[in-house]
N, C-alpha and C. Protein backbone atom coordinates (compact mmCIF):
# COMPACT_ATOMS: atom_id res chain seq x y z
N MET A 1 20.84 -19.95 3.76
CA MET A 1 20.08 -19.58 2.28
C MET A 1 19.03 -18.77 2.49
N TYR A 2 18.28 -19.12 3.95
CA TYR A 2 17.21 -18.56 4.09
C TYR A 2 17.20 -17.01 4.72
N ALA A 3 16.22 -15.81 4.55
CA ALA A 3 16.40 -14.93 4.82
C ALA A 3 15.89 -15.24 6.45
N LYS A 4 16.70 -13.89 7.20
CA LYS A 4 16.09 -13.82 8.59
C LYS A 4 15.40 -12.98 8.72
N SER A 5 14.22 -12.92 9.76
CA SER A 5 13.42 -11.53 9.66
C SER A 5 14.11 -10.57 10.63
N GLN A 6 13.86 -9.33 9.91
CA GLN A 6 14.59 -7.91 10.17
C GLN A 6 13.28 -6.98 11.01
N LEU A 7 12.61 -7.40 12.14
CA LEU A 7 11.98 -6.90 12.96
C LEU A 7 12.13 -5.20 13.39
N SER A 8 11.40 -4.53 13.20
CA SER A 8 11.85 -3.07 13.91
C SER A 8 11.32 -2.93 14.39
N PHE A 9 11.04 -3.16 15.81
CA PHE A 9 10.75 -2.93 17.07
C PHE A 9 11.03 -3.91 18.20
N ASP A 10 11.12 -3.46 19.21
CA ASP A 10 11.71 -3.97 20.64
C ASP A 10 10.53 -4.55 21.53
N MET A 11 9.97 -5.72 21.25
CA MET A 11 8.72 -6.20 21.97
C MET A 11 8.82 -5.96 23.30
N GLU A 12 9.70 -6.38 23.99
CA GLU A 12 9.65 -6.32 25.46
C GLU A 12 9.55 -4.58 26.01
N ASN A 13 9.87 -3.74 25.30
CA ASN A 13 9.83 -2.57 25.86
C ASN A 13 8.84 -1.39 25.18
N GLU A 14 7.98 -2.33 25.16
CA GLU A 14 6.59 -1.34 24.17
C GLU A 14 5.76 -1.69 25.21
N SER A 15 4.56 -0.64 25.20
CA SER A 15 3.54 -0.95 26.02
C SER A 15 2.30 -1.93 25.55
N TYR A 16 1.20 -2.24 26.01
CA TYR A 16 0.12 -3.08 25.96
C TYR A 16 -0.57 -2.38 24.63
N GLU A 17 -0.80 -0.90 24.70
CA GLU A 17 -1.63 -0.73 23.70
C GLU A 17 -1.15 -0.91 22.12
N THR A 18 0.29 -1.08 21.98
CA THR A 18 0.74 -1.51 20.73
C THR A 18 1.05 -3.02 20.44
N ASP A 19 0.42 -3.49 21.32
CA ASP A 19 0.72 -4.91 20.90
C ASP A 19 -0.06 -5.33 19.64
N ALA A 20 -1.19 -4.93 19.03
CA ALA A 20 -2.01 -5.30 17.83
C ALA A 20 -1.25 -4.92 16.85
N PRO A 21 -0.48 -3.51 17.13
CA PRO A 21 0.32 -3.38 15.36
C PRO A 21 1.47 -4.12 15.47
N LYS A 22 2.10 -4.39 16.41
CA LYS A 22 3.42 -5.32 16.42
C LYS A 22 2.95 -6.69 15.90
N GLN A 23 2.02 -7.34 16.44
CA GLN A 23 1.61 -8.80 15.76
C GLN A 23 1.46 -8.28 14.54
N ILE A 24 0.58 -7.85 14.19
CA ILE A 24 0.44 -7.61 12.47
C ILE A 24 1.90 -7.14 11.99
N LEU A 25 2.48 -6.45 12.24
CA LEU A 25 3.66 -6.16 11.64
C LEU A 25 4.57 -7.44 11.80
N ALA A 26 4.62 -8.39 12.50
CA ALA A 26 5.49 -9.77 13.13
C ALA A 26 4.64 -10.71 11.88
N THR A 27 3.65 -10.66 11.55
CA THR A 27 2.71 -11.41 10.80
C THR A 27 3.16 -10.99 9.39
N ILE A 28 3.23 -9.95 9.30
CA ILE A 28 3.30 -9.29 7.53
C ILE A 28 4.52 -9.83 7.24
N GLN A 29 5.59 -9.67 8.50
CA GLN A 29 7.04 -9.76 8.32
C GLN A 29 7.56 -11.13 8.23
N ARG A 30 7.01 -12.29 8.51
CA ARG A 30 6.84 -13.31 8.52
C ARG A 30 6.42 -13.82 7.03
N LYS A 31 5.48 -13.19 6.42
CA LYS A 31 5.22 -13.41 5.11
C LYS A 31 6.17 -13.07 4.22
N VAL A 32 6.87 -11.95 4.53
CA VAL A 32 7.61 -11.18 3.36
C VAL A 32 8.92 -12.03 3.27
N VAL A 33 9.28 -12.50 4.56
CA VAL A 33 10.35 -13.77 4.63
C VAL A 33 9.95 -14.65 3.90
N ASP A 34 8.64 -15.45 3.97
CA ASP A 34 8.30 -16.91 3.03
C ASP A 34 8.63 -16.06 1.72
N CYS A 35 7.84 -15.15 1.17
CA CYS A 35 7.96 -14.48 -0.25
C CYS A 35 9.73 -14.32 -0.56
N ILE A 36 10.27 -14.03 0.37
CA ILE A 36 11.59 -13.67 -0.14
C ILE A 36 12.49 -14.95 -0.41
N ASN A 37 12.28 -15.90 0.45
CA ASN A 37 12.60 -17.64 0.48
C ASN A 37 12.01 -18.27 -0.97
N ARG A 38 11.06 -17.89 -1.19
CA ARG A 38 10.25 -18.39 -2.38
C ARG A 38 10.88 -18.11 -3.72
N ALA A 39 11.58 -16.76 -3.85
CA ALA A 39 12.06 -16.32 -4.81
C ALA A 39 13.44 -16.74 -4.69
N ASN A 40 14.09 -16.62 -3.82
CA ASN A 40 15.55 -17.41 -3.74
C ASN A 40 15.35 -18.64 -4.32
N GLN A 41 14.47 -19.67 -3.74
CA GLN A 41 14.60 -20.84 -4.19
C GLN A 41 13.99 -21.04 -5.65
N PHE A 42 13.19 -19.99 -6.01
CA PHE A 42 13.08 -19.85 -7.80
C PHE A 42 14.09 -19.70 -8.74
N PHE A 43 14.77 -18.51 -8.23
CA PHE A 43 15.93 -17.80 -9.01
C PHE A 43 17.19 -18.59 -8.61
N GLY A 44 17.67 -19.21 -7.40
CA GLY A 44 18.66 -19.86 -6.96
C GLY A 44 19.76 -19.03 -6.68
N THR A 45 18.97 -17.88 -5.88
CA THR A 45 19.93 -16.67 -5.34
C THR A 45 19.58 -16.25 -4.13
N GLU A 46 19.94 -15.34 -3.70
CA GLU A 46 19.64 -15.02 -2.16
C GLU A 46 19.72 -13.35 -2.45
N PHE A 47 18.30 -12.78 -2.53
CA PHE A 47 17.77 -11.48 -2.57
C PHE A 47 17.91 -10.67 -0.94
N GLU A 48 17.93 -9.40 -1.07
CA GLU A 48 18.02 -8.70 0.17
C GLU A 48 16.71 -8.54 0.54
N LEU A 49 16.60 -8.95 1.68
CA LEU A 49 15.32 -8.68 2.79
C LEU A 49 14.96 -7.30 2.67
N PRO A 50 13.64 -6.78 2.53
CA PRO A 50 13.29 -5.84 2.49
C PRO A 50 12.93 -5.46 4.21
N ASN A 51 12.89 -4.17 4.41
CA ASN A 51 12.58 -3.90 5.86
C ASN A 51 11.21 -3.73 5.42
N ALA A 52 10.24 -4.03 6.17
CA ALA A 52 8.78 -3.93 6.43
C ALA A 52 8.27 -3.07 7.41
N ASN A 53 7.54 -2.20 7.30
CA ASN A 53 6.53 -1.42 8.19
C ASN A 53 5.12 -1.17 7.67
N LEU A 54 4.29 -0.58 8.90
CA LEU A 54 2.78 -0.26 8.58
C LEU A 54 2.50 1.44 8.51
N ARG A 55 3.40 1.75 7.51
CA ARG A 55 3.03 3.24 7.67
C ARG A 55 2.54 3.39 6.29
N GLN A 56 2.17 2.63 5.50
CA GLN A 56 1.05 3.25 4.66
C GLN A 56 0.05 3.44 5.00
N LYS A 57 -0.78 4.71 4.35
CA LYS A 57 -2.01 5.23 4.91
C LYS A 57 -2.75 5.54 3.45
N GLY A 58 -3.84 5.86 3.29
CA GLY A 58 -4.49 6.06 2.58
C GLY A 58 -5.48 5.15 1.49
N ARG A 59 -5.14 5.19 0.32
CA ARG A 59 -6.10 4.28 -0.47
C ARG A 59 -5.01 2.99 -0.88
N ALA A 60 -3.76 3.03 -0.93
CA ALA A 60 -2.62 1.68 -1.05
C ALA A 60 -2.81 1.11 0.15
N ALA A 61 -3.12 -0.27 -0.42
CA ALA A 61 -2.94 -1.49 0.29
C ALA A 61 -1.09 -1.79 0.91
N GLY A 62 -0.36 -1.38 -0.14
CA GLY A 62 0.97 -1.43 0.22
C GLY A 62 1.44 -0.33 -0.91
N THR A 63 3.06 -0.25 -0.48
CA THR A 63 4.18 0.10 -1.70
C THR A 63 5.34 -0.35 -1.42
N ALA A 64 6.12 -0.39 -2.30
CA ALA A 64 7.55 -0.67 -2.65
C ALA A 64 8.43 0.56 -2.50
N HIS A 65 9.51 0.84 -1.66
CA HIS A 65 10.15 1.76 -1.84
C HIS A 65 11.53 1.15 -2.61
N LEU A 66 11.83 0.64 -3.91
CA LEU A 66 12.41 0.45 -4.03
C LEU A 66 14.10 0.82 -3.82
N HIS A 67 14.31 2.02 -3.83
CA HIS A 67 15.94 2.29 -3.75
C HIS A 67 16.24 2.40 -2.16
N LYS A 68 14.92 2.13 -1.12
CA LYS A 68 15.33 1.89 0.29
C LYS A 68 15.39 0.51 0.85
N ASN A 69 14.64 -0.45 -0.27
CA ASN A 69 14.47 -1.78 -0.12
C ASN A 69 13.56 -2.02 1.15
N GLU A 70 12.36 -1.14 0.77
CA GLU A 70 11.16 -1.05 1.94
C GLU A 70 10.21 -1.55 1.29
N VAL A 71 9.37 -2.12 2.24
CA VAL A 71 7.72 -2.11 1.89
C VAL A 71 7.06 -1.88 2.84
N ARG A 72 5.94 -1.12 2.39
CA ARG A 72 4.91 -0.11 3.75
C ARG A 72 3.69 -1.10 3.36
N PHE A 73 2.72 -1.26 4.35
CA PHE A 73 1.72 -1.85 4.55
C PHE A 73 0.74 -0.98 5.24
N ASN A 74 -0.45 -1.05 4.73
CA ASN A 74 -1.54 -0.28 5.57
C ASN A 74 -2.28 -1.42 6.02
N SER A 75 -2.20 -0.92 7.63
CA SER A 75 -2.94 -1.93 8.92
C SER A 75 -4.44 -1.85 8.71
N TYR A 76 -4.78 -0.83 8.73
CA TYR A 76 -6.50 -0.35 8.12
C TYR A 76 -6.83 -1.53 7.20
N MET A 77 -6.41 -1.74 6.28
CA MET A 77 -6.85 -2.64 4.98
C MET A 77 -6.22 -4.44 5.57
N TYR A 78 -5.34 -4.33 6.35
CA TYR A 78 -4.99 -5.73 6.80
C TYR A 78 -6.12 -6.37 7.70
N GLN A 79 -6.46 -5.03 8.42
CA GLN A 79 -7.42 -5.98 9.39
C GLN A 79 -8.83 -6.10 8.90
N GLN A 80 -9.17 -5.80 7.65
CA GLN A 80 -10.45 -6.07 6.90
C GLN A 80 -10.54 -7.88 6.44
N ASN A 81 -9.31 -8.17 6.03
CA ASN A 81 -9.07 -9.53 5.99
C ASN A 81 -7.62 -9.94 5.63
N PRO A 82 -6.99 -10.23 7.34
CA PRO A 82 -5.64 -10.56 7.12
C PRO A 82 -5.16 -11.66 6.11
N GLN A 83 -6.20 -13.03 5.85
CA GLN A 83 -5.61 -13.74 4.93
C GLN A 83 -5.49 -13.25 3.78
N ASP A 84 -6.51 -12.58 3.30
CA ASP A 84 -6.52 -12.36 1.86
C ASP A 84 -5.31 -11.14 1.61
N PHE A 85 -5.05 -10.51 2.26
CA PHE A 85 -3.96 -9.60 2.31
C PHE A 85 -2.91 -10.10 2.54
N LEU A 86 -2.15 -10.98 3.26
CA LEU A 86 -1.06 -11.86 3.41
C LEU A 86 -0.78 -12.40 2.00
N GLU A 87 -1.92 -12.85 1.66
CA GLU A 87 -1.77 -13.96 -0.17
C GLU A 87 -1.65 -13.13 -0.90
N THR A 88 -2.21 -12.10 -0.97
CA THR A 88 -2.02 -11.37 -2.00
C THR A 88 -1.35 -9.55 -2.05
N VAL A 89 -1.34 -8.87 -1.13
CA VAL A 89 -0.99 -7.58 -0.99
C VAL A 89 0.72 -7.83 -0.84
N VAL A 90 0.95 -8.82 0.37
CA VAL A 90 2.45 -8.74 0.50
C VAL A 90 3.25 -9.70 -0.58
N PRO A 91 2.90 -10.45 -1.13
CA PRO A 91 3.58 -10.90 -2.16
C PRO A 91 3.62 -9.62 -3.72
N HIS A 92 2.69 -9.36 -3.59
CA HIS A 92 2.48 -7.96 -4.92
C HIS A 92 3.34 -7.19 -4.46
N GLU A 93 3.64 -6.64 -3.34
CA GLU A 93 5.07 -5.55 -3.22
C GLU A 93 6.12 -6.29 -2.86
N VAL A 94 6.28 -7.38 -2.44
CA VAL A 94 7.60 -7.87 -2.52
C VAL A 94 7.97 -8.61 -3.90
N ALA A 95 7.33 -8.93 -4.98
CA ALA A 95 7.38 -8.92 -6.51
C ALA A 95 7.94 -7.68 -6.84
N HIS A 96 7.80 -6.45 -6.46
CA HIS A 96 8.32 -5.41 -6.83
C HIS A 96 10.15 -4.92 -6.81
N ILE A 97 9.97 -5.65 -5.45
CA ILE A 97 11.44 -5.37 -4.55
C ILE A 97 12.25 -6.45 -5.18
N ILE A 98 11.73 -7.84 -5.71
CA ILE A 98 12.36 -9.04 -6.17
C ILE A 98 12.90 -8.52 -7.74
N VAL A 99 11.74 -7.31 -8.52
CA VAL A 99 11.93 -7.26 -10.11
C VAL A 99 13.17 -6.17 -9.83
N PHE A 100 13.19 -5.26 -8.93
CA PHE A 100 13.99 -4.26 -9.06
C PHE A 100 15.68 -4.86 -8.74
N GLN A 101 15.55 -5.61 -7.74
CA GLN A 101 16.92 -6.19 -7.45
C GLN A 101 17.38 -7.22 -8.35
N ILE A 102 16.44 -7.71 -9.37
CA ILE A 102 17.31 -8.48 -10.90
C ILE A 102 17.33 -7.52 -11.82
N TYR A 103 16.45 -6.43 -12.23
CA TYR A 103 16.71 -5.73 -13.36
C TYR A 103 16.87 -4.06 -13.19
N GLY A 104 16.82 -3.62 -11.81
CA GLY A 104 16.94 -2.05 -11.68
C GLY A 104 15.92 -1.49 -12.15
N ASN A 105 16.20 -0.04 -12.55
CA ASN A 105 15.06 1.01 -12.80
C ASN A 105 14.60 0.54 -14.18
N ASP A 106 15.32 -0.16 -15.04
CA ASP A 106 14.78 -0.49 -16.46
C ASP A 106 13.55 -1.00 -16.85
N VAL A 107 12.64 -1.61 -16.01
CA VAL A 107 11.31 -1.95 -16.05
C VAL A 107 10.00 -1.10 -15.83
N ARG A 108 8.96 -1.67 -16.44
CA ARG A 108 7.75 -0.84 -15.86
C ARG A 108 7.66 -1.32 -14.50
N PRO A 109 6.70 -0.65 -13.72
CA PRO A 109 6.28 -1.31 -12.33
C PRO A 109 5.30 -2.29 -12.37
N HIS A 110 4.46 -2.39 -13.33
CA HIS A 110 3.76 -3.79 -13.17
C HIS A 110 3.70 -4.26 -14.79
N GLY A 111 4.98 -4.17 -15.18
CA GLY A 111 5.64 -4.92 -16.67
C GLY A 111 5.49 -6.26 -16.50
N LYS A 112 6.06 -7.15 -17.38
CA LYS A 112 6.11 -8.09 -17.65
C LYS A 112 6.80 -8.95 -16.77
N GLU A 113 7.82 -8.45 -16.31
CA GLU A 113 8.88 -9.19 -15.32
C GLU A 113 8.28 -9.24 -14.21
N TRP A 114 7.29 -8.29 -13.71
CA TRP A 114 6.45 -8.48 -12.12
C TRP A 114 5.31 -8.97 -12.40
N GLN A 115 4.88 -9.24 -13.78
CA GLN A 115 3.79 -10.17 -13.50
C GLN A 115 4.46 -11.77 -13.86
N ALA A 116 5.62 -12.18 -14.57
CA ALA A 116 6.11 -13.06 -14.36
C ALA A 116 6.52 -13.62 -13.05
N VAL A 117 7.18 -12.61 -12.33
CA VAL A 117 7.43 -12.74 -10.75
C VAL A 117 6.13 -13.35 -9.96
N MET A 118 4.82 -12.67 -10.16
CA MET A 118 3.68 -13.01 -9.66
C MET A 118 2.84 -14.38 -10.07
N HIS A 119 3.42 -14.66 -11.32
CA HIS A 119 2.50 -15.95 -11.72
C HIS A 119 3.49 -16.87 -11.51
N LYS A 120 4.92 -16.65 -11.82
CA LYS A 120 5.79 -17.94 -11.79
C LYS A 120 6.43 -18.45 -10.21
N VAL A 121 6.41 -17.53 -9.26
CA VAL A 121 7.05 -17.42 -8.25
C VAL A 121 6.25 -17.68 -7.41
N TYR A 122 5.02 -16.97 -7.47
CA TYR A 122 3.93 -16.63 -6.10
C TYR A 122 2.75 -17.63 -6.65
N GLY A 123 2.43 -17.99 -7.90
CA GLY A 123 1.24 -18.64 -8.27
C GLY A 123 0.20 -17.95 -8.51
N LEU A 124 0.07 -16.20 -8.76
CA LEU A 124 -0.97 -15.36 -8.34
C LEU A 124 -1.28 -14.70 -9.50
N PRO A 125 -2.31 -14.40 -9.87
CA PRO A 125 -2.80 -13.58 -10.98
C PRO A 125 -2.05 -12.42 -10.82
N PRO A 126 -1.34 -11.65 -11.84
CA PRO A 126 -0.47 -10.28 -11.38
C PRO A 126 -1.70 -9.11 -11.47
N GLN A 127 -2.31 -9.13 -10.33
CA GLN A 127 -3.52 -7.80 -10.09
C GLN A 127 -2.72 -7.05 -9.39
N ARG A 128 -3.13 -5.22 -10.14
CA ARG A 128 -2.72 -4.32 -9.68
C ARG A 128 -3.70 -3.35 -8.75
N THR A 129 -4.37 -4.11 -8.61
CA THR A 129 -5.46 -3.32 -7.78
C THR A 129 -6.15 -3.83 -6.56
N HIS A 130 -6.44 -3.48 -5.65
CA HIS A 130 -7.19 -4.30 -4.47
C HIS A 130 -8.64 -4.06 -4.35
N SER A 131 -9.29 -4.82 -3.22
CA SER A 131 -10.71 -4.85 -3.12
C SER A 131 -11.05 -4.26 -1.61
N PHE A 132 -10.01 -3.75 -0.93
CA PHE A 132 -10.28 -3.66 0.36
C PHE A 132 -10.93 -2.21 0.49
N ASP A 133 -11.74 -1.62 1.47
CA ASP A 133 -12.12 -0.38 1.83
C ASP A 133 -11.07 0.61 2.07
N VAL A 134 -11.09 1.74 1.74
CA VAL A 134 -10.51 2.74 2.18
C VAL A 134 -10.78 3.24 3.43
N PRO A 135 -9.68 3.96 4.41
CA PRO A 135 -10.20 4.31 5.26
C PRO A 135 -10.85 5.75 4.88
N PRO A 136 -11.70 6.33 6.05
CA PRO A 136 -12.66 7.62 5.60
C PRO A 136 -11.45 8.66 5.72
N PRO A 137 -10.89 9.92 5.32
CA PRO A 137 -10.51 10.88 5.00
C PRO A 137 -10.58 11.43 6.58
N LYS A 138 -9.76 11.85 6.96
CA LYS A 138 -9.09 12.69 8.35
C LYS A 138 -9.91 14.36 8.28
N GLN A 139 -9.80 14.94 7.33
CA GLN A 139 -10.39 16.11 6.98
C GLN A 139 -11.15 16.21 5.64
N SER A 140 -12.35 16.56 5.63
CA SER A 140 -13.26 16.19 4.46
C SER A 140 -13.65 17.76 4.46
N TYR A 141 -14.07 18.29 2.87
CA TYR A 141 -14.36 19.32 2.42
C TYR A 141 -15.15 19.08 1.29
N TYR A 142 -16.40 19.70 1.42
CA TYR A 142 -17.55 19.77 0.32
C TYR A 142 -17.43 20.56 -0.92
N TYR A 143 -17.64 20.12 -1.86
CA TYR A 143 -17.61 20.69 -3.04
C TYR A 143 -19.12 20.24 -3.70
N GLN A 144 -19.62 21.42 -4.61
CA GLN A 144 -21.03 21.25 -5.50
C GLN A 144 -20.44 21.48 -6.93
N CYS A 145 -21.46 20.44 -7.62
CA CYS A 145 -21.77 21.30 -9.17
C CYS A 145 -23.10 21.23 -9.14
N HIS A 146 -23.74 21.20 -10.44
CA HIS A 146 -24.68 21.09 -10.47
C HIS A 146 -25.76 19.97 -10.51
N CYS A 147 -25.38 18.95 -9.94
CA CYS A 147 -26.07 17.64 -9.71
C CYS A 147 -26.11 16.90 -8.49
N GLN A 148 -24.88 17.24 -7.78
CA GLN A 148 -24.77 16.52 -6.44
C GLN A 148 -23.41 17.31 -5.77
N THR A 149 -23.35 16.61 -4.52
CA THR A 149 -22.12 17.16 -3.57
C THR A 149 -20.91 16.09 -3.60
N HIS A 150 -19.72 16.38 -3.83
CA HIS A 150 -18.63 15.60 -3.64
C HIS A 150 -17.75 15.91 -2.50
N THR A 151 -17.14 15.07 -2.13
CA THR A 151 -16.17 15.17 -0.90
C THR A 151 -15.18 14.98 -1.21
N PHE A 152 -14.14 16.26 -0.80
CA PHE A 152 -12.98 16.06 -1.34
C PHE A 152 -12.10 16.23 0.15
N THR A 153 -10.91 15.33 -0.22
CA THR A 153 -9.34 15.08 0.91
C THR A 153 -9.29 16.40 0.83
N LYS A 154 -8.07 16.58 1.94
CA LYS A 154 -7.29 17.98 2.15
C LYS A 154 -6.45 18.07 1.10
N GLN A 155 -5.82 17.00 0.84
CA GLN A 155 -4.75 17.41 -0.27
C GLN A 155 -5.52 17.71 -1.56
N ARG A 156 -6.63 17.21 -2.19
CA ARG A 156 -7.23 17.51 -3.23
C ARG A 156 -8.01 18.95 -3.06
N HIS A 157 -8.45 19.28 -1.95
CA HIS A 157 -8.90 20.57 -1.56
C HIS A 157 -7.95 21.86 -1.77
N THR A 158 -6.49 21.45 -1.39
CA THR A 158 -5.58 22.16 -1.42
C THR A 158 -5.05 22.50 -2.57
N ARG A 159 -5.07 21.35 -3.55
CA ARG A 159 -4.88 21.59 -4.89
C ARG A 159 -6.03 22.49 -5.51
N ALA A 160 -7.54 22.25 -5.09
CA ALA A 160 -8.52 23.10 -5.62
C ALA A 160 -8.34 24.59 -5.42
N GLN A 161 -7.84 25.02 -4.30
CA GLN A 161 -7.49 26.25 -3.83
C GLN A 161 -6.54 26.72 -4.43
N LYS A 162 -5.42 26.19 -5.03
CA LYS A 162 -4.34 26.77 -5.56
C LYS A 162 -4.49 26.78 -7.22
N GLY A 163 -5.87 26.32 -7.61
CA GLY A 163 -6.15 26.84 -8.97
C GLY A 163 -6.29 25.53 -9.82
N THR A 164 -6.26 24.38 -9.65
CA THR A 164 -6.83 23.16 -9.99
C THR A 164 -8.05 23.38 -10.30
N GLU A 165 -8.52 22.87 -11.44
CA GLU A 165 -10.09 22.82 -11.58
C GLU A 165 -10.47 21.44 -11.58
N TYR A 166 -11.62 21.29 -10.82
CA TYR A 166 -12.36 19.44 -10.97
C TYR A 166 -13.78 19.85 -11.50
N ILE A 167 -13.88 19.04 -12.36
CA ILE A 167 -15.25 18.59 -13.15
C ILE A 167 -15.82 17.90 -13.05
N CYS A 168 -17.01 17.51 -12.76
CA CYS A 168 -18.06 16.64 -12.19
C CYS A 168 -18.00 15.80 -13.39
N LYS A 169 -17.94 14.07 -13.30
CA LYS A 169 -18.11 13.24 -14.25
C LYS A 169 -19.49 13.28 -14.80
N LEU A 170 -20.42 13.62 -13.89
CA LEU A 170 -21.88 13.42 -14.33
C LEU A 170 -22.37 14.56 -15.40
N CYS A 171 -22.29 15.97 -14.76
CA CYS A 171 -22.78 16.74 -15.44
C CYS A 171 -22.18 17.51 -15.95
N GLY A 172 -20.36 17.52 -16.04
CA GLY A 172 -19.49 18.18 -16.53
C GLY A 172 -19.25 19.58 -15.95
N THR A 173 -19.65 20.26 -15.24
CA THR A 173 -19.62 21.61 -14.61
C THR A 173 -18.50 21.18 -13.70
N LYS A 174 -18.27 22.74 -13.45
CA LYS A 174 -16.67 22.94 -12.55
C LYS A 174 -17.56 22.72 -10.93
N LEU A 175 -16.64 21.99 -10.11
CA LEU A 175 -16.99 21.82 -8.71
C LEU A 175 -16.45 22.83 -8.00
N HIS A 176 -17.43 23.65 -7.15
CA HIS A 176 -17.10 24.75 -6.04
C HIS A 176 -17.08 24.68 -4.54
N PHE A 177 -16.22 25.16 -3.87
CA PHE A 177 -16.17 24.76 -2.83
C PHE A 177 -17.48 25.43 -1.79
N VAL A 178 -18.11 24.51 -0.94
CA VAL A 178 -19.33 24.92 -0.08
C VAL A 178 -18.95 24.71 1.48
N ASP A 179 -18.23 23.91 1.96
CA ASP A 179 -17.88 23.46 3.03
C ASP A 179 -16.90 22.81 3.36
N ASP A 180 -16.28 22.97 4.77
CA ASP A 180 -15.16 22.22 5.24
C ASP A 180 -15.66 21.36 6.62
N LEU A 181 -15.83 20.31 6.26
CA LEU A 181 -16.60 19.13 7.33
C LEU A 181 -15.96 19.41 8.55
N SER A 182 -14.38 19.67 8.70
CA SER A 182 -13.58 19.19 9.80
C SER A 182 -14.11 20.36 10.90
N LYS A 183 -14.82 21.43 10.45
CA LYS A 183 -15.05 22.59 11.71
C LYS A 183 -16.54 22.06 12.08
N ARG A 184 -17.26 21.21 11.94
CA ARG A 184 -18.41 20.74 12.61
C ARG A 184 -18.28 19.74 13.39
N HIS A 185 -18.63 20.17 14.59
CA HIS A 185 -18.21 19.58 15.69
C HIS A 185 -19.03 20.18 17.01
């Protein structure tokens, strides 16, 4: 009745350089299995174990890809506080998978069903946000308003170049491109 781990790597054929990510993934996968087992016990059923990986990048600590039965986690954020990450982020994403396997697409992502799983199954407050630091952008762009300089990611810069206008929340003026930080070296 208990879920079996579906680790997606071959530990014997990998180099020493990837040991840390493999260990992180193995730890997260064990927590995913634990979360699924707790849900199985609570609901008296057997949920399908999602695949877990470390492909999450950017500002999100994790995401649940419901139709793929996959949970993605951000290793940069995991490394900041592994215990907090395992106790909050992993159950958060697994709760999305559980709710999807029960209700399908007919519920809101952080709706009452998800909140109930967080509270009743995992004993956690149903929080939508995390407090981890986000990784610095790989490529940054300066934009200027009347009161300050703003740093844009490549994605936001591309949108601005295609016509999206950004307005400063402080002074209310339009932001204008002034410099590409990636060309400074």
